[in-house]
Amino acid sequence: MSLMGHGRVVIEPTIAVIEADYCSGCRVCNNLCAYGAISFDDVRSVSEINPALCKGCGTCVAACPSGAAQAQHYRIEQVFAEIEGLLAL
């Protein structure tokens, strides 16, 4: 019996991504992910996020000391622009 032919898998639209060029390999995010979505690539010395497991909670994004973990579709510049807009009201 094949599981692939029975329904769909729904993935959260907003998930975290790690920019490998900025990842320092500190592994802080690996230990914080409650969903086990983050693994460490020993060859490249960077953390990687499995999009099928990520729930987009943002814990890794908030904790990443190098800023390599980002919320997909929301870059830090966009977040700051929204905050500035709210403060201007």
Protein backbone atom coordinates (compact mmCIF):
# COMPACT_ATOMS: atom_id res chain seq x y z
CA MET A 1 0.00 0.00 0.00
CA SER A 2 1.42 3.38 -1.02
CA LEU A 3 1.02 6.38 1.30
CA MET A 4 1.90 8.87 -1.41
CA GLY A 5 -1.36 8.41 -3.29
CA HIS A 6 -3.58 9.23 -0.31
CA GLY A 7 -4.08 12.94 0.19
CA ARG A 8 -1.73 15.86 0.47
CA VAL A 9 0.93 17.14 2.79
CA VAL A 10 0.32 20.72 3.90
CA ILE A 11 3.43 22.77 4.64
CA GLU A 12 3.36 26.06 6.51
CA PRO A 13 3.78 29.03 4.13
CA THR A 14 6.03 30.90 6.55
CA ILE A 15 8.99 28.80 7.57
CA ALA A 16 12.52 29.55 8.61
CA VAL A 17 15.46 29.36 6.24
CA ILE A 18 19.17 29.52 6.96
CA GLU A 19 21.44 31.59 4.74
CA ALA A 20 24.45 29.27 4.54
CA ASP A 21 26.82 32.13 3.69
CA TYR A 22 26.08 33.75 7.07
CA CYS A 23 25.81 30.63 9.24
CA SER A 24 28.71 30.46 11.70
CA GLY A 25 28.05 26.82 12.57
CA CYS A 26 27.39 27.59 16.25
CA ARG A 27 24.44 25.13 16.37
CA VAL A 28 22.40 27.30 18.75
CA CYS A 29 19.33 26.80 16.57
CA ASN A 30 19.74 23.03 16.43
CA ASN A 31 19.11 22.68 20.16
CA LEU A 32 16.20 25.13 20.25
CA CYS A 33 13.96 23.71 17.52
CA ALA A 34 10.98 22.03 19.20
CA TYR A 35 10.08 20.29 15.94
CA GLY A 36 13.45 18.70 15.14
CA ALA A 37 13.52 20.58 11.84
CA ILE A 38 17.13 21.73 12.04
CA SER A 39 20.12 19.52 11.37
CA PHE A 40 23.82 20.24 11.04
CA ASP A 41 25.76 19.55 7.84
CA ASP A 42 29.19 18.45 9.07
CA VAL A 43 30.73 18.73 5.60
CA ARG A 44 29.70 22.36 5.05
CA SER A 45 29.67 23.27 8.78
CA VAL A 46 26.26 24.94 8.56
CA SER A 47 22.80 24.25 9.95
CA GLU A 48 19.97 23.35 7.58
CA ILE A 49 16.19 23.47 7.99
CA ASN A 50 13.90 20.74 6.73
CA PRO A 51 10.91 22.69 5.35
CA ALA A 52 8.59 19.71 5.82
CA LEU A 53 9.21 19.75 9.58
CA CYS A 54 9.46 23.51 10.22
CA LYS A 55 6.34 25.13 11.70
CA GLY A 56 7.56 28.72 11.33
CA CYS A 57 7.57 29.47 15.06
CA GLY A 58 10.59 31.79 14.72
CA THR A 59 12.53 30.53 17.74
CA CYS A 60 15.65 29.89 15.66
CA VAL A 61 15.32 33.25 13.92
CA ALA A 62 15.21 35.09 17.24
CA ALA A 63 18.13 33.13 18.71
CA CYS A 64 20.54 33.09 15.75
CA PRO A 65 23.57 35.18 16.76
CA SER A 66 24.79 35.61 13.19
CA GLY A 67 21.39 36.45 11.68
CA ALA A 68 21.65 33.51 9.29
CA ALA A 69 18.26 32.13 10.32
CA GLN A 70 15.52 34.18 8.67
CA ALA A 71 11.75 33.89 8.43
CA GLN A 72 11.02 33.07 4.80
CA HIS A 73 9.13 35.90 3.07
CA TYR A 74 10.05 38.25 5.95
CA ARG A 75 13.53 39.73 5.91
CA ILE A 76 14.86 41.72 8.84
CA GLU A 77 14.68 44.92 6.80
CA GLN A 78 10.96 44.36 6.25
CA VAL A 79 10.33 43.75 9.93
CA PHE A 80 12.19 46.95 10.89
CA ALA A 81 10.27 48.92 8.26
CA GLU A 82 6.97 47.72 9.75
CA ILE A 83 8.10 48.64 13.27
CA GLU A 84 9.20 52.11 12.11
CA GLY A 85 5.86 52.57 10.40
CA LEU A 86 3.96 51.68 13.56
CA LEU A 87 6.11 53.97 15.69
CA ALA A 88 5.47 56.87 13.32
CA LEU A 89 1.71 56.72 13.97
